Amino acid sequence: MTTPMPDSHRDLDHTVREGVLSAAERDRMIAALSALGCTPVPQYLLHRRCTGVTSLAQDDVTYLGYGPHQGLATWWTRFFEHL
C-alpha cells in the first residue's frame, strides 16, 4: 500500500498524524491486509539497501528505481521492481 507520491509519508501512523487517513481507516486497512495474510511494511524500510542474497547485488545490474533510490539495490527493488 503506497501513497500517490512515493515517500510522502513515513508509515501509516504518519498518515494519521498528517490527517491523510483517520485512525479507523488505518486500522481497517491493516485488518484487511492481515486477513489476506499480508504484513504491512513501511516504505522507508523497503528503501534501505538490500543486504540479502540476490542477483540485484551484482555490480553490472542496473536498477530502475526513482529519486534518491535510483540505481540502488534496495529491498523495494528486490521484491517489487519487477512488477
N, C-alpha and C. Protein backbone atom coordinates (compact mmCIF):
# COMPACT_ATOMS: atom_id res chain seq x y z
N MET A 1 0.85 -1.15 0.00
CA MET A 1 0.00 0.00 0.00
C MET A 1 0.91 1.22 0.00
N THR A 2 0.71 2.10 -0.95
CA THR A 2 1.53 3.29 -1.04
C THR A 2 0.66 4.52 -1.23
N THR A 3 1.27 5.67 -1.10
CA THR A 3 0.57 6.92 -1.32
C THR A 3 0.83 7.40 -2.75
N PRO A 4 0.02 8.34 -3.27
CA PRO A 4 0.22 8.80 -4.64
C PRO A 4 1.62 9.34 -4.92
N MET A 5 2.23 9.97 -3.94
CA MET A 5 3.60 10.48 -4.10
C MET A 5 4.53 9.59 -3.29
N PRO A 6 5.43 8.87 -3.95
CA PRO A 6 6.33 7.99 -3.20
C PRO A 6 7.07 8.73 -2.09
N ASP A 7 7.17 8.07 -0.97
CA ASP A 7 7.87 8.60 0.21
C ASP A 7 7.23 9.84 0.81
N SER A 8 5.96 10.12 0.48
CA SER A 8 5.33 11.31 1.06
C SER A 8 4.96 11.11 2.52
N HIS A 9 4.87 9.86 2.97
CA HIS A 9 4.57 9.57 4.38
C HIS A 9 5.45 8.42 4.83
N ARG A 10 6.01 8.56 6.00
CA ARG A 10 6.95 7.57 6.53
C ARG A 10 6.27 6.22 6.77
N ASP A 11 5.07 6.23 7.31
CA ASP A 11 4.33 5.00 7.59
C ASP A 11 2.86 5.36 7.81
N LEU A 12 2.04 4.36 8.11
CA LEU A 12 0.61 4.63 8.27
C LEU A 12 0.32 5.52 9.47
N ASP A 13 1.12 5.42 10.53
CA ASP A 13 0.92 6.31 11.67
C ASP A 13 1.15 7.77 11.26
N HIS A 14 2.13 7.98 10.40
CA HIS A 14 2.41 9.33 9.91
C HIS A 14 1.24 9.87 9.09
N THR A 15 0.60 9.00 8.29
CA THR A 15 -0.55 9.44 7.50
C THR A 15 -1.70 9.87 8.42
N VAL A 16 -1.84 9.19 9.54
CA VAL A 16 -2.89 9.58 10.50
C VAL A 16 -2.54 10.92 11.13
N ARG A 17 -1.29 11.08 11.56
CA ARG A 17 -0.88 12.36 12.17
C ARG A 17 -1.04 13.52 11.21
N GLU A 18 -0.81 13.28 9.90
CA GLU A 18 -0.93 14.33 8.89
C GLU A 18 -2.37 14.55 8.44
N GLY A 19 -3.29 13.71 8.90
CA GLY A 19 -4.69 13.86 8.54
C GLY A 19 -5.07 13.26 7.20
N VAL A 20 -4.19 12.46 6.63
CA VAL A 20 -4.47 11.81 5.34
C VAL A 20 -5.45 10.65 5.55
N LEU A 21 -5.27 9.92 6.62
CA LEU A 21 -6.16 8.82 6.99
C LEU A 21 -6.64 9.03 8.41
N SER A 22 -7.82 8.53 8.70
CA SER A 22 -8.25 8.51 10.11
C SER A 22 -7.66 7.25 10.74
N ALA A 23 -7.62 7.22 12.04
CA ALA A 23 -7.12 6.03 12.74
C ALA A 23 -7.99 4.82 12.40
N ALA A 24 -9.30 5.03 12.25
CA ALA A 24 -10.21 3.93 11.91
C ALA A 24 -9.91 3.40 10.51
N GLU A 25 -9.61 4.29 9.56
CA GLU A 25 -9.27 3.86 8.20
C GLU A 25 -7.98 3.04 8.20
N ARG A 26 -6.98 3.54 8.93
CA ARG A 26 -5.72 2.81 9.03
C ARG A 26 -5.94 1.43 9.61
N ASP A 27 -6.72 1.35 10.69
CA ASP A 27 -6.98 0.07 11.34
C ASP A 27 -7.73 -0.89 10.43
N ARG A 28 -8.68 -0.37 9.64
CA ARG A 28 -9.41 -1.21 8.68
C ARG A 28 -8.47 -1.77 7.62
N MET A 29 -7.57 -0.92 7.12
CA MET A 29 -6.62 -1.39 6.10
C MET A 29 -5.70 -2.47 6.66
N ILE A 30 -5.19 -2.26 7.86
CA ILE A 30 -4.30 -3.24 8.47
C ILE A 30 -5.04 -4.55 8.72
N ALA A 31 -6.29 -4.47 9.17
CA ALA A 31 -7.09 -5.68 9.40
C ALA A 31 -7.35 -6.42 8.09
N ALA A 32 -7.68 -5.68 7.03
CA ALA A 32 -7.95 -6.30 5.72
C ALA A 32 -6.68 -6.98 5.19
N LEU A 33 -5.54 -6.31 5.30
CA LEU A 33 -4.29 -6.90 4.84
C LEU A 33 -3.93 -8.14 5.66
N SER A 34 -4.13 -8.06 6.96
CA SER A 34 -3.84 -9.21 7.83
C SER A 34 -4.73 -10.39 7.49
N ALA A 35 -6.00 -10.13 7.18
CA ALA A 35 -6.93 -11.19 6.81
C ALA A 35 -6.49 -11.89 5.52
N LEU A 36 -5.78 -11.17 4.67
CA LEU A 36 -5.27 -11.74 3.42
C LEU A 36 -3.90 -12.40 3.60
N GLY A 37 -3.37 -12.35 4.83
CA GLY A 37 -2.07 -12.93 5.10
C GLY A 37 -0.91 -12.00 4.77
N CYS A 38 -1.20 -10.72 4.59
CA CYS A 38 -0.16 -9.74 4.24
C CYS A 38 0.32 -9.01 5.49
N THR A 39 1.55 -8.58 5.46
CA THR A 39 2.13 -7.80 6.54
C THR A 39 2.52 -6.43 5.99
N PRO A 40 1.90 -5.36 6.48
CA PRO A 40 2.29 -4.03 6.01
C PRO A 40 3.73 -3.72 6.41
N VAL A 41 4.50 -3.19 5.46
CA VAL A 41 5.89 -2.82 5.71
C VAL A 41 6.05 -1.36 5.29
N PRO A 42 6.51 -0.49 6.19
CA PRO A 42 6.69 0.92 5.83
C PRO A 42 7.67 1.09 4.67
N GLN A 43 7.37 2.03 3.78
CA GLN A 43 8.23 2.25 2.62
C GLN A 43 9.66 2.57 3.00
N TYR A 44 9.86 3.32 4.10
CA TYR A 44 11.22 3.69 4.45
C TYR A 44 12.09 2.47 4.71
N LEU A 45 11.50 1.38 5.19
CA LEU A 45 12.27 0.15 5.37
C LEU A 45 12.59 -0.51 4.04
N LEU A 46 11.65 -0.44 3.10
CA LEU A 46 11.86 -1.03 1.78
C LEU A 46 12.93 -0.30 0.98
N HIS A 47 13.18 0.95 1.31
CA HIS A 47 14.18 1.73 0.57
C HIS A 47 15.57 1.66 1.18
N ARG A 48 15.75 0.79 2.15
CA ARG A 48 17.09 0.55 2.67
C ARG A 48 17.85 -0.36 1.70
N ARG A 49 19.14 -0.25 1.71
CA ARG A 49 19.98 -1.06 0.82
C ARG A 49 19.74 -2.54 1.07
N CYS A 50 19.55 -3.30 0.01
CA CYS A 50 19.30 -4.73 0.10
C CYS A 50 20.59 -5.45 0.52
N THR A 51 20.52 -6.19 1.60
CA THR A 51 21.69 -6.91 2.09
C THR A 51 21.53 -8.42 1.93
N GLY A 52 20.40 -8.83 1.37
CA GLY A 52 20.14 -10.26 1.20
C GLY A 52 20.82 -10.82 -0.03
N VAL A 53 20.71 -12.11 -0.20
CA VAL A 53 21.27 -12.79 -1.36
C VAL A 53 20.33 -12.55 -2.53
N THR A 54 20.82 -11.85 -3.55
CA THR A 54 20.01 -11.53 -4.72
C THR A 54 20.92 -11.17 -5.89
N SER A 55 20.43 -11.43 -7.09
CA SER A 55 21.20 -11.03 -8.27
C SER A 55 21.26 -9.51 -8.38
N LEU A 56 20.40 -8.81 -7.65
CA LEU A 56 20.41 -7.34 -7.66
C LEU A 56 21.68 -6.77 -7.04
N ALA A 57 22.41 -7.58 -6.31
CA ALA A 57 23.62 -7.09 -5.66
C ALA A 57 24.83 -7.10 -6.59
N GLN A 58 24.65 -7.60 -7.82
CA GLN A 58 25.76 -7.63 -8.76
C GLN A 58 26.08 -6.23 -9.27
N ASP A 59 27.35 -5.94 -9.46
CA ASP A 59 27.77 -4.61 -9.89
C ASP A 59 27.31 -4.27 -11.30
N ASP A 60 27.09 -5.26 -12.14
CA ASP A 60 26.74 -4.98 -13.53
C ASP A 60 25.23 -4.89 -13.77
N VAL A 61 24.43 -4.92 -12.71
CA VAL A 61 22.97 -4.85 -12.83
C VAL A 61 22.53 -3.39 -12.67
N THR A 62 21.66 -2.94 -13.57
CA THR A 62 21.11 -1.59 -13.48
C THR A 62 19.69 -1.67 -12.93
N TYR A 63 19.37 -0.82 -11.99
CA TYR A 63 18.07 -0.82 -11.36
C TYR A 63 17.28 0.38 -11.84
N LEU A 64 15.97 0.21 -11.94
CA LEU A 64 15.13 1.33 -12.35
C LEU A 64 15.02 2.32 -11.19
N GLY A 65 14.21 2.02 -10.21
CA GLY A 65 14.05 2.87 -9.05
C GLY A 65 13.62 4.28 -9.40
N TYR A 66 13.65 5.15 -8.42
CA TYR A 66 13.28 6.54 -8.62
C TYR A 66 13.97 7.39 -7.58
N GLY A 67 14.04 8.67 -7.86
CA GLY A 67 14.58 9.63 -6.92
C GLY A 67 15.91 9.22 -6.32
N PRO A 68 16.04 9.39 -5.00
CA PRO A 68 17.32 9.09 -4.35
C PRO A 68 17.65 7.60 -4.36
N HIS A 69 16.68 6.75 -4.71
CA HIS A 69 16.90 5.31 -4.71
C HIS A 69 17.25 4.77 -6.09
N GLN A 70 17.28 5.64 -7.07
CA GLN A 70 17.54 5.19 -8.44
C GLN A 70 18.93 4.56 -8.53
N GLY A 71 19.00 3.40 -9.13
CA GLY A 71 20.26 2.72 -9.33
C GLY A 71 20.76 1.94 -8.12
N LEU A 72 20.00 1.90 -7.02
CA LEU A 72 20.43 1.18 -5.83
C LEU A 72 19.64 -0.11 -5.68
N ALA A 73 20.27 -1.15 -5.22
CA ALA A 73 19.57 -2.40 -4.90
C ALA A 73 19.00 -2.26 -3.50
N THR A 74 17.72 -1.93 -3.44
CA THR A 74 17.02 -1.79 -2.16
C THR A 74 16.09 -2.98 -1.98
N TRP A 75 15.49 -3.07 -0.80
CA TRP A 75 14.51 -4.13 -0.59
C TRP A 75 13.30 -3.93 -1.50
N TRP A 76 12.98 -2.68 -1.85
CA TRP A 76 11.90 -2.41 -2.80
C TRP A 76 12.22 -3.04 -4.15
N THR A 77 13.44 -2.82 -4.67
CA THR A 77 13.78 -3.41 -5.97
C THR A 77 13.81 -4.93 -5.86
N ARG A 78 14.25 -5.43 -4.74
CA ARG A 78 14.33 -6.89 -4.54
C ARG A 78 12.97 -7.55 -4.67
N PHE A 79 11.94 -6.94 -4.08
CA PHE A 79 10.64 -7.58 -4.05
C PHE A 79 9.61 -7.02 -5.03
N PHE A 80 9.74 -5.74 -5.46
CA PHE A 80 8.65 -5.14 -6.21
C PHE A 80 9.04 -4.50 -7.54
N GLU A 81 10.30 -4.29 -7.83
CA GLU A 81 10.70 -3.58 -9.05
C GLU A 81 10.25 -4.32 -10.31
N HIS A 82 10.15 -5.63 -10.26
CA HIS A 82 9.75 -6.40 -11.44
C HIS A 82 8.27 -6.25 -11.78
N LEU A 83 7.48 -5.70 -10.88
CA LEU A 83 6.03 -5.61 -11.12
C LEU A 83 5.69 -4.58 -12.15
